[in-house]
Each structure stands twice: as C-alpha cells, then as structure tokens.
C-alpha cells in the first residue's frame, strides 16, 4: 500500500491557488468576522506584506506590534516576530494559520507554573517568621 502525502488545502483551494488571489478575493473564503476585518483593513495588510518582502530581501527581521492583522496566503513561509507586550515572539507562518490573527500566536500571559505554597499562603505558615 502506497501512502500519498496529504497536500494542504484551505476551503478546497491549494496554497498555490490561494497565493495567486488578491487579499480581497481571498476574503471570500474566510469566515464572516475575519472577512469583514480583511475587507475593512486590506490596505493595512497589503502595506505590511510590501514592507515585509522588502525586509526579507535585505535579510532583516520582520518585527511587528500589529497583533490584529489577519494571516493571508502571501504571508505563508515568512518568519515574523510579533510583540506580546514584553518581547518579540518569533513565529513561522504556516498554512494552518490562514484566517487567524497574529495575536493568537504570541500569548501575552505566561503559562502558570504552580509550585509549593509560599510563606503565609497556608494557615500552618501564618505565624512563621517571613525572613
């Protein structure tokens, strides 16, 4: 039995077909909220793509604070650094990210690491010295 490698598709279109589409044409394949966002802000998305392609040519890092931009097919393959409020989180854009916002891939809050309770956190340690 020969296993075929599964190719990525988004709403029945391959990545190559999607890359030929304009940003506004791609919006037709998005869900309603993302579609409205792209149609309102397509100039902003196109400006970001243009700037990032220029930076890629000069081998510069693509850094952005714009966490509300929707991922479109032209961004697939780019390595973008997204600001999370503290540092820039490096994100490699892949096909599965299409239609999602940048902010979803750069969490602003760290994962909670529960450890042993500190002094004063429990009744048994309430009257101990805090030195």
N, C-alpha and C. Protein backbone atom coordinates (compact mmCIF):
# COMPACT_ATOMS: atom_id res chain seq x y z
N UNK A 1 0.84 -1.18 0.00
CA UNK A 1 0.00 0.00 0.00
C UNK A 1 0.88 1.25 0.00
N UNK A 2 0.66 2.11 -0.95
CA UNK A 2 1.45 3.34 -1.08
C UNK A 2 0.67 4.48 -0.43
N UNK A 3 1.34 5.16 0.50
CA UNK A 3 0.71 6.29 1.17
C UNK A 3 1.02 7.57 0.41
N UNK A 4 -0.03 8.32 0.14
CA UNK A 4 0.13 9.60 -0.53
C UNK A 4 0.31 10.69 0.51
N UNK A 5 1.22 11.61 0.25
CA UNK A 5 1.39 12.74 1.15
C UNK A 5 0.21 13.69 0.97
N UNK A 6 -0.43 14.04 2.07
CA UNK A 6 -1.60 14.91 2.01
C UNK A 6 -1.16 16.36 1.78
N UNK A 7 -1.72 16.99 0.75
CA UNK A 7 -1.39 18.37 0.46
C UNK A 7 -2.33 19.28 1.24
N UNK A 8 -1.82 20.45 1.61
CA UNK A 8 -2.62 21.39 2.38
C UNK A 8 -3.64 22.06 1.48
N UNK A 9 -4.88 22.12 1.95
CA UNK A 9 -5.93 22.86 1.24
C UNK A 9 -6.67 23.73 2.25
N UNK A 10 -7.18 24.85 1.77
CA UNK A 10 -7.99 25.75 2.60
C UNK A 10 -9.27 26.00 1.84
N UNK A 11 -10.38 25.51 2.37
CA UNK A 11 -11.69 25.63 1.73
C UNK A 11 -11.67 25.10 0.29
N UNK A 12 -10.94 23.99 0.10
CA UNK A 12 -10.90 23.34 -1.21
C UNK A 12 -9.88 23.90 -2.17
N UNK A 13 -9.11 24.90 -1.78
CA UNK A 13 -8.10 25.51 -2.65
C UNK A 13 -6.71 25.16 -2.11
N UNK A 14 -5.77 24.89 -3.03
CA UNK A 14 -4.39 24.63 -2.60
C UNK A 14 -3.71 25.97 -2.30
N UNK A 15 -2.57 25.88 -1.63
CA UNK A 15 -1.84 27.09 -1.25
C UNK A 15 -1.39 27.88 -2.47
N UNK A 16 -0.99 27.18 -3.54
CA UNK A 16 -0.55 27.86 -4.76
C UNK A 16 -1.71 28.65 -5.39
N UNK A 17 -2.90 28.05 -5.38
CA UNK A 17 -4.07 28.75 -5.93
C UNK A 17 -4.42 29.98 -5.09
N UNK A 18 -4.29 29.83 -3.76
CA UNK A 18 -4.61 30.95 -2.86
C UNK A 18 -3.61 32.10 -3.02
N UNK A 19 -2.33 31.76 -3.26
CA UNK A 19 -1.31 32.81 -3.38
C UNK A 19 -1.52 33.67 -4.62
N UNK A 20 -2.23 33.15 -5.63
CA UNK A 20 -2.49 33.94 -6.83
C UNK A 20 -3.62 34.94 -6.60
N UNK A 21 -4.41 34.75 -5.54
CA UNK A 21 -5.55 35.62 -5.27
C UNK A 21 -5.11 36.94 -4.63
N UNK A 22 -5.88 37.98 -4.89
CA UNK A 22 -5.72 39.27 -4.23
C UNK A 22 -6.22 39.12 -2.78
N UNK A 23 -5.82 40.02 -1.90
CA UNK A 23 -6.25 39.96 -0.49
C UNK A 23 -7.77 40.01 -0.40
N UNK A 24 -8.41 40.87 -1.19
CA UNK A 24 -9.88 41.00 -1.14
C UNK A 24 -10.57 39.78 -1.73
N UNK A 25 -9.94 39.14 -2.73
CA UNK A 25 -10.51 37.90 -3.29
C UNK A 25 -10.39 36.76 -2.29
N UNK A 26 -9.27 36.72 -1.54
CA UNK A 26 -9.09 35.69 -0.52
C UNK A 26 -10.11 35.85 0.60
N UNK A 27 -10.55 37.08 0.85
CA UNK A 27 -11.51 37.33 1.93
C UNK A 27 -12.81 36.56 1.72
N UNK A 28 -13.15 36.23 0.48
CA UNK A 28 -14.37 35.47 0.20
C UNK A 28 -14.35 34.08 0.82
N UNK A 29 -13.16 33.54 1.09
CA UNK A 29 -13.02 32.20 1.65
C UNK A 29 -12.96 32.20 3.18
N UNK A 30 -12.94 33.38 3.80
CA UNK A 30 -12.83 33.48 5.25
C UNK A 30 -14.21 33.43 5.91
N UNK A 31 -14.21 33.21 7.24
CA UNK A 31 -15.45 33.29 8.00
C UNK A 31 -15.85 34.76 8.10
N UNK A 32 -17.11 35.01 8.48
CA UNK A 32 -17.68 36.35 8.38
C UNK A 32 -16.91 37.42 9.15
N UNK A 33 -16.53 37.16 10.40
CA UNK A 33 -15.83 38.16 11.19
C UNK A 33 -14.48 38.51 10.56
N UNK A 34 -13.74 37.48 10.17
CA UNK A 34 -12.43 37.72 9.57
C UNK A 34 -12.59 38.39 8.20
N UNK A 35 -13.63 38.00 7.46
CA UNK A 35 -13.87 38.60 6.14
C UNK A 35 -14.10 40.10 6.26
N UNK A 36 -14.95 40.50 7.22
CA UNK A 36 -15.22 41.93 7.41
C UNK A 36 -13.96 42.67 7.81
N UNK A 37 -13.17 42.06 8.68
CA UNK A 37 -11.92 42.67 9.13
C UNK A 37 -10.97 42.88 7.95
N UNK A 38 -10.82 41.86 7.10
CA UNK A 38 -9.91 41.96 5.95
C UNK A 38 -10.41 43.00 4.96
N UNK A 39 -11.71 43.02 4.70
CA UNK A 39 -12.25 43.98 3.73
C UNK A 39 -12.13 45.41 4.22
N UNK A 40 -12.17 45.62 5.53
CA UNK A 40 -12.00 46.97 6.08
C UNK A 40 -10.54 47.40 6.10
N UNK A 41 -9.64 46.45 6.34
CA UNK A 41 -8.23 46.78 6.56
C UNK A 41 -7.30 46.22 5.49
N UNK A 42 -7.79 46.00 4.28
CA UNK A 42 -6.93 45.38 3.28
C UNK A 42 -5.73 46.24 2.91
N UNK A 43 -5.86 47.58 3.00
CA UNK A 43 -4.71 48.45 2.71
C UNK A 43 -3.60 48.21 3.72
N UNK A 44 -3.98 48.06 4.98
CA UNK A 44 -3.02 47.84 6.05
C UNK A 44 -2.28 46.50 5.85
N UNK A 45 -3.04 45.47 5.45
CA UNK A 45 -2.45 44.14 5.23
C UNK A 45 -1.50 44.19 4.04
N UNK A 46 -1.91 44.84 2.95
CA UNK A 46 -1.05 44.94 1.77
C UNK A 46 0.21 45.74 2.05
N UNK A 47 0.09 46.80 2.88
CA UNK A 47 1.27 47.60 3.25
C UNK A 47 2.24 46.75 4.08
N UNK A 48 1.70 45.93 4.99
CA UNK A 48 2.54 45.06 5.81
C UNK A 48 3.28 44.05 4.93
N UNK A 49 2.58 43.46 3.96
CA UNK A 49 3.20 42.46 3.07
C UNK A 49 4.31 43.10 2.25
N UNK A 50 4.05 44.31 1.73
CA UNK A 50 5.05 45.01 0.91
C UNK A 50 6.30 45.31 1.74
N UNK A 51 6.12 45.83 2.97
CA UNK A 51 7.26 46.15 3.83
C UNK A 51 8.03 44.90 4.21
N UNK A 52 7.31 43.82 4.51
CA UNK A 52 7.97 42.60 4.95
C UNK A 52 8.76 41.94 3.81
N UNK A 53 8.27 42.04 2.58
CA UNK A 53 9.02 41.48 1.45
C UNK A 53 10.30 42.27 1.21
N UNK A 54 10.25 43.61 1.40
CA UNK A 54 11.45 44.43 1.27
C UNK A 54 12.47 44.05 2.34
N UNK A 55 11.99 43.82 3.57
CA UNK A 55 12.89 43.44 4.66
C UNK A 55 13.49 42.07 4.42
N UNK A 56 12.72 41.15 3.84
CA UNK A 56 13.24 39.81 3.55
C UNK A 56 14.37 39.88 2.54
N UNK A 57 14.25 40.77 1.56
CA UNK A 57 15.30 40.91 0.54
C UNK A 57 16.60 41.37 1.18
N UNK A 58 16.50 42.23 2.20
CA UNK A 58 17.69 42.76 2.88
C UNK A 58 18.11 41.90 4.07
N UNK A 59 17.50 40.72 4.22
CA UNK A 59 17.78 39.78 5.31
C UNK A 59 17.60 40.41 6.69
N UNK A 60 16.59 41.28 6.82
CA UNK A 60 16.27 41.89 8.10
C UNK A 60 15.12 41.14 8.74
N UNK A 61 15.04 41.20 10.07
CA UNK A 61 13.94 40.56 10.78
C UNK A 61 12.67 41.37 10.59
N UNK A 62 11.56 40.66 10.45
CA UNK A 62 10.26 41.32 10.31
C UNK A 62 9.64 41.38 11.70
N UNK A 63 9.60 42.58 12.28
CA UNK A 63 9.03 42.77 13.62
C UNK A 63 7.76 43.58 13.50
N UNK A 64 6.75 43.25 14.31
CA UNK A 64 5.50 43.99 14.25
C UNK A 64 4.83 44.04 15.62
N UNK A 65 4.10 45.12 15.83
CA UNK A 65 3.25 45.27 17.00
C UNK A 65 1.80 45.03 16.64
N UNK A 66 1.52 44.82 15.36
CA UNK A 66 0.15 44.67 14.87
C UNK A 66 -0.35 43.25 15.12
N UNK A 67 -0.98 43.06 16.27
CA UNK A 67 -1.48 41.73 16.64
C UNK A 67 -2.85 41.44 16.02
N UNK A 68 -3.48 42.47 15.43
CA UNK A 68 -4.83 42.29 14.90
C UNK A 68 -4.87 42.00 13.40
N UNK A 69 -3.71 41.86 12.75
CA UNK A 69 -3.70 41.56 11.32
C UNK A 69 -4.06 40.10 11.09
N UNK A 70 -4.86 39.86 10.04
CA UNK A 70 -5.26 38.51 9.66
C UNK A 70 -4.18 37.91 8.77
N UNK A 71 -3.86 36.63 8.97
CA UNK A 71 -2.86 35.94 8.15
C UNK A 71 -3.48 35.61 6.79
N UNK A 72 -2.82 36.07 5.72
CA UNK A 72 -3.27 35.82 4.34
C UNK A 72 -2.21 34.95 3.64
N UNK A 73 -2.57 34.33 2.50
CA UNK A 73 -1.65 33.38 1.85
C UNK A 73 -0.27 33.93 1.49
N UNK A 74 -0.16 35.22 1.19
CA UNK A 74 1.15 35.79 0.83
C UNK A 74 2.13 35.78 1.99
N UNK A 75 1.63 35.65 3.22
CA UNK A 75 2.49 35.65 4.41
C UNK A 75 3.04 34.26 4.73
N UNK A 76 2.49 33.22 4.11
CA UNK A 76 2.91 31.85 4.42
C UNK A 76 4.38 31.68 4.06
N UNK A 77 5.14 31.13 4.99
CA UNK A 77 6.57 30.93 4.81
C UNK A 77 7.42 32.01 5.44
N UNK A 78 6.82 33.14 5.81
CA UNK A 78 7.57 34.23 6.44
C UNK A 78 7.85 33.90 7.90
N UNK A 79 8.95 34.42 8.40
CA UNK A 79 9.27 34.31 9.82
C UNK A 79 9.06 35.70 10.41
N UNK A 80 7.98 35.86 11.19
CA UNK A 80 7.58 37.16 11.70
C UNK A 80 7.74 37.18 13.21
N UNK A 81 8.24 38.30 13.73
CA UNK A 81 8.36 38.46 15.18
C UNK A 81 7.24 39.36 15.65
N UNK A 82 6.36 38.81 16.50
CA UNK A 82 5.16 39.51 16.96
C UNK A 82 5.36 39.92 18.41
N UNK A 83 5.06 41.17 18.71
CA UNK A 83 5.23 41.70 20.06
C UNK A 83 4.12 41.22 20.97
N UNK A 84 4.49 40.72 22.17
CA UNK A 84 3.47 40.22 23.10
C UNK A 84 3.33 41.13 24.32
N UNK A 85 3.85 42.34 24.26
CA UNK A 85 3.77 43.28 25.37
C UNK A 85 5.04 43.33 26.18
N UNK A 86 5.92 42.36 25.97
CA UNK A 86 7.17 42.29 26.71
C UNK A 86 8.34 42.04 25.77
N UNK A 87 8.23 41.04 24.93
CA UNK A 87 9.28 40.67 23.99
C UNK A 87 8.66 40.37 22.63
N UNK A 88 9.52 40.15 21.65
CA UNK A 88 9.05 39.74 20.32
C UNK A 88 9.12 38.22 20.24
N UNK A 89 7.99 37.59 19.93
CA UNK A 89 7.90 36.14 19.81
C UNK A 89 8.05 35.78 18.34
N UNK A 90 9.03 34.93 18.02
CA UNK A 90 9.27 34.53 16.64
C UNK A 90 8.25 33.48 16.22
N UNK A 91 7.58 33.72 15.07
CA UNK A 91 6.54 32.84 14.58
C UNK A 91 6.79 32.54 13.10
N UNK A 92 6.84 31.26 12.75
CA UNK A 92 6.94 30.84 11.35
C UNK A 92 5.51 30.64 10.86
N UNK A 93 5.09 31.40 9.85
CA UNK A 93 3.71 31.35 9.35
C UNK A 93 3.55 30.12 8.46
N UNK A 94 2.56 29.27 8.79
CA UNK A 94 2.27 28.07 8.01
C UNK A 94 0.83 28.15 7.50
N UNK A 95 0.47 27.24 6.64
CA UNK A 95 -0.85 27.26 6.02
C UNK A 95 -2.01 27.16 6.98
N UNK A 96 -1.84 26.43 8.07
CA UNK A 96 -2.92 26.26 9.03
C UNK A 96 -3.27 27.56 9.76
N UNK A 97 -2.43 28.57 9.66
CA UNK A 97 -2.67 29.84 10.32
C UNK A 97 -3.56 30.78 9.51
N UNK A 98 -3.89 30.43 8.27
CA UNK A 98 -4.69 31.30 7.41
C UNK A 98 -6.01 31.66 8.08
N UNK A 99 -6.35 32.94 8.05
CA UNK A 99 -7.61 33.41 8.63
C UNK A 99 -7.54 33.72 10.10
N UNK A 100 -6.41 33.45 10.76
CA UNK A 100 -6.26 33.76 12.18
C UNK A 100 -5.49 35.07 12.35
N UNK A 101 -5.60 35.66 13.53
CA UNK A 101 -4.89 36.91 13.81
C UNK A 101 -3.51 36.62 14.37
N UNK A 102 -2.56 37.54 14.15
CA UNK A 102 -1.20 37.39 14.66
C UNK A 102 -1.18 37.18 16.17
N UNK A 103 -2.03 37.91 16.88
CA UNK A 103 -2.03 37.87 18.34
C UNK A 103 -2.29 36.49 18.91
N UNK A 104 -2.92 35.60 18.14
CA UNK A 104 -3.22 34.26 18.62
C UNK A 104 -1.96 33.42 18.77
N UNK A 105 -0.88 33.81 18.10
CA UNK A 105 0.34 33.01 18.09
C UNK A 105 1.44 33.58 18.98
N UNK A 106 1.14 34.69 19.67
CA UNK A 106 2.09 35.30 20.59
C UNK A 106 1.36 35.58 21.90
N UNK A 107 1.25 34.58 22.79
CA UNK A 107 0.48 34.77 24.03
C UNK A 107 1.07 35.87 24.90
N UNK A 108 0.18 36.69 25.49
CA UNK A 108 0.62 37.82 26.30
C UNK A 108 0.84 37.43 27.75
N UNK A 109 0.22 36.35 28.19
CA UNK A 109 0.37 35.91 29.57
C UNK A 109 1.14 34.61 29.62
N UNK A 110 2.11 34.50 30.55
CA UNK A 110 2.89 33.26 30.62
C UNK A 110 2.05 32.12 31.19
N UNK A 111 2.45 30.90 30.87
CA UNK A 111 1.76 29.74 31.39
C UNK A 111 2.00 29.68 32.91
N UNK A 112 0.94 29.39 33.67
CA UNK A 112 1.03 29.36 35.13
C UNK A 112 1.80 28.12 35.54
N UNK A 113 2.84 28.34 36.37
CA UNK A 113 3.63 27.23 36.90
C UNK A 113 3.35 27.13 38.38
N UNK A 114 2.52 26.17 38.76
CA UNK A 114 2.18 26.00 40.17
C UNK A 114 3.31 25.26 40.87
N UNK A 115 3.72 25.79 42.02
CA UNK A 115 4.77 25.13 42.79
C UNK A 115 4.33 25.10 44.25
N UNK A 116 5.27 24.86 45.14
CA UNK A 116 4.97 24.78 46.56
C UNK A 116 4.48 26.13 47.07
N UNK A 117 3.52 26.10 48.01
CA UNK A 117 2.96 27.33 48.59
C UNK A 117 4.04 28.09 49.34
N UNK A 118 4.00 29.40 49.25
CA UNK A 118 4.99 30.23 49.92
C UNK A 118 4.63 30.48 51.38
N UNK A 119 5.51 31.20 52.06
CA UNK A 119 5.29 31.53 53.47
C UNK A 119 4.09 32.45 53.58
N UNK A 120 3.16 32.12 54.46
CA UNK A 120 1.97 32.93 54.67
C UNK A 120 0.81 32.54 53.78
N UNK A 121 1.02 31.60 52.86
CA UNK A 121 -0.04 31.20 51.95
C UNK A 121 -0.99 30.19 52.60
N UNK A 122 -0.51 29.46 53.59
CA UNK A 122 -1.34 28.47 54.28
C UNK A 122 -1.43 28.81 55.76
N UNK A 123 -2.42 28.21 56.46
CA UNK A 123 -2.61 28.51 57.88
C UNK A 123 -1.44 28.04 58.73
N UNK A 124 -0.79 26.97 58.33
CA UNK A 124 0.34 26.44 59.09
C UNK A 124 1.54 27.37 59.08
N UNK A 125 1.66 28.20 58.08
CA UNK A 125 2.84 29.07 57.98
C UNK A 125 2.49 30.53 58.28
N UNK A 126 1.29 30.77 58.81
CA UNK A 126 0.83 32.13 59.01
C UNK A 126 1.68 32.89 60.05
N UNK A 127 2.09 32.17 61.13
CA UNK A 127 2.80 32.85 62.22
C UNK A 127 4.30 32.60 62.17
N UNK A 128 4.80 32.04 61.10
CA UNK A 128 6.23 31.85 60.97
C UNK A 128 6.90 33.17 60.59
N UNK A 129 8.15 33.25 60.87
CA UNK A 129 8.93 34.43 60.51
C UNK A 129 9.06 34.51 58.99
N UNK A 130 8.91 35.67 58.44
CA UNK A 130 8.97 35.84 56.99
C UNK A 130 10.35 36.23 56.52
N UNK A 131 11.37 36.05 57.34
CA UNK A 131 12.73 36.41 56.96
C UNK A 131 13.35 35.38 56.09
